[in-house]
Amino acid sequence: MEGKSEINIGKYVSRRLSQVKVLSRLLETELETAKGSRDLTMDRNVVEQVLDVLEIFIEDCDSVTGGGQAARKANEQKPAVARLN
């Protein structure tokens, strides 16, 4: 039974992986455009969209694998401590 769920998770992730591949190609193109230069200039909107796609991919993977629930519980259980220096 567990093997079947792993296959489903694999299909789920592979479908969403195409978005990450597009981001990879975009970044490769930006690097190629800035040939030889140490500086790379990207539009702020492009960077924000890249981050949005990556965050959505991470959240989707966490929701399928259950990783997000453990992280949320760990954050809820940590007491807030004020640090005085």
Protein backbone atom coordinates (compact mmCIF):
# COMPACT_ATOMS: atom_id res chain seq x y z
CA MET A 1 0.00 0.00 0.00
CA GLU A 2 2.85 2.37 0.84
CA GLY A 3 4.49 1.82 -2.55
CA LYS A 4 1.35 3.01 -4.30
CA SER A 5 1.32 6.30 -2.37
CA GLU A 6 5.00 6.86 -3.22
CA ILE A 7 4.20 6.49 -6.92
CA ASN A 8 1.37 8.99 -6.58
CA ILE A 9 3.67 11.43 -4.79
CA GLY A 10 6.22 11.03 -7.56
CA LYS A 11 3.63 11.81 -10.23
CA TYR A 12 2.36 14.76 -8.20
CA VAL A 13 5.84 16.23 -7.84
CA SER A 14 6.83 15.55 -11.46
CA ARG A 15 3.79 17.46 -12.73
CA ARG A 16 4.76 20.48 -10.67
CA LEU A 17 8.44 20.13 -11.46
CA SER A 18 7.85 21.60 -14.92
CA GLN A 19 7.37 25.03 -13.32
CA VAL A 20 10.75 24.77 -11.63
CA LYS A 21 12.33 23.71 -14.93
CA VAL A 22 10.94 26.84 -16.58
CA LEU A 23 12.49 28.93 -13.82
CA SER A 24 15.80 27.17 -14.35
CA ARG A 25 15.74 28.00 -18.08
CA LEU A 26 14.86 31.61 -17.30
CA LEU A 27 17.82 31.98 -14.97
CA GLU A 28 20.12 30.29 -17.49
CA THR A 29 18.97 32.75 -20.14
CA GLU A 30 19.59 35.71 -17.83
CA LEU A 31 23.09 34.44 -17.10
CA GLU A 32 23.78 33.91 -20.78
CA THR A 33 22.61 37.45 -21.53
CA ALA A 34 25.12 38.86 -19.03
CA LYS A 35 28.07 37.01 -20.65
CA GLY A 36 31.39 37.78 -19.05
CA SER A 37 29.97 40.29 -16.62
CA ARG A 38 30.05 39.70 -12.88
CA ASP A 39 26.85 41.74 -12.49
CA LEU A 40 23.43 40.41 -13.33
CA THR A 41 20.44 42.72 -13.57
CA MET A 42 16.93 41.33 -13.25
CA ASP A 43 13.62 43.08 -12.98
CA ARG A 44 12.22 43.04 -9.45
CA ASN A 45 8.90 41.65 -10.70
CA VAL A 46 10.68 38.70 -12.32
CA VAL A 47 12.50 37.86 -9.07
CA GLU A 48 9.23 38.13 -7.09
CA GLN A 49 7.51 35.78 -9.54
CA VAL A 50 10.39 33.30 -9.34
CA LEU A 51 10.11 33.30 -5.56
CA ASP A 52 6.33 32.87 -5.75
CA VAL A 53 6.62 29.82 -8.00
CA LEU A 54 9.29 28.27 -5.77
CA GLU A 55 7.22 28.87 -2.61
CA ILE A 56 4.14 27.32 -4.21
CA PHE A 57 6.17 24.28 -5.30
CA ILE A 58 7.60 23.87 -1.80
CA GLU A 59 4.18 24.23 -0.16
CA ASP A 60 2.65 21.70 -2.57
CA CYS A 61 5.42 19.18 -1.90
CA ASP A 62 5.15 19.73 1.86
CA SER A 63 1.38 19.25 1.79
CA VAL A 64 1.70 15.95 -0.10
CA THR A 65 4.55 14.56 1.99
CA GLY A 66 3.21 15.88 5.30
CA GLY A 67 6.35 17.94 5.94
CA GLY A 68 4.40 21.16 6.34
CA GLN A 69 2.38 19.85 9.28
CA ALA A 70 5.45 18.92 11.29
CA ALA A 71 7.06 22.30 10.65
CA ARG A 72 3.89 24.16 11.69
CA LYS A 73 3.60 22.12 14.89
CA ALA A 74 7.25 22.80 15.74
CA ASN A 75 6.72 26.53 15.25
CA GLU A 76 3.58 26.52 17.41
CA GLN A 77 5.28 24.71 20.29
CA LYS A 78 8.30 26.99 20.53
CA PRO A 79 7.89 29.48 23.36
CA ALA A 80 8.59 33.11 22.67
CA VAL A 81 11.70 34.18 24.56
CA ALA A 82 12.84 37.77 24.94
CA ARG A 83 16.58 38.16 24.79
CA LEU A 84 18.16 40.90 26.87
CA ASN A 85 21.73 41.84 26.14
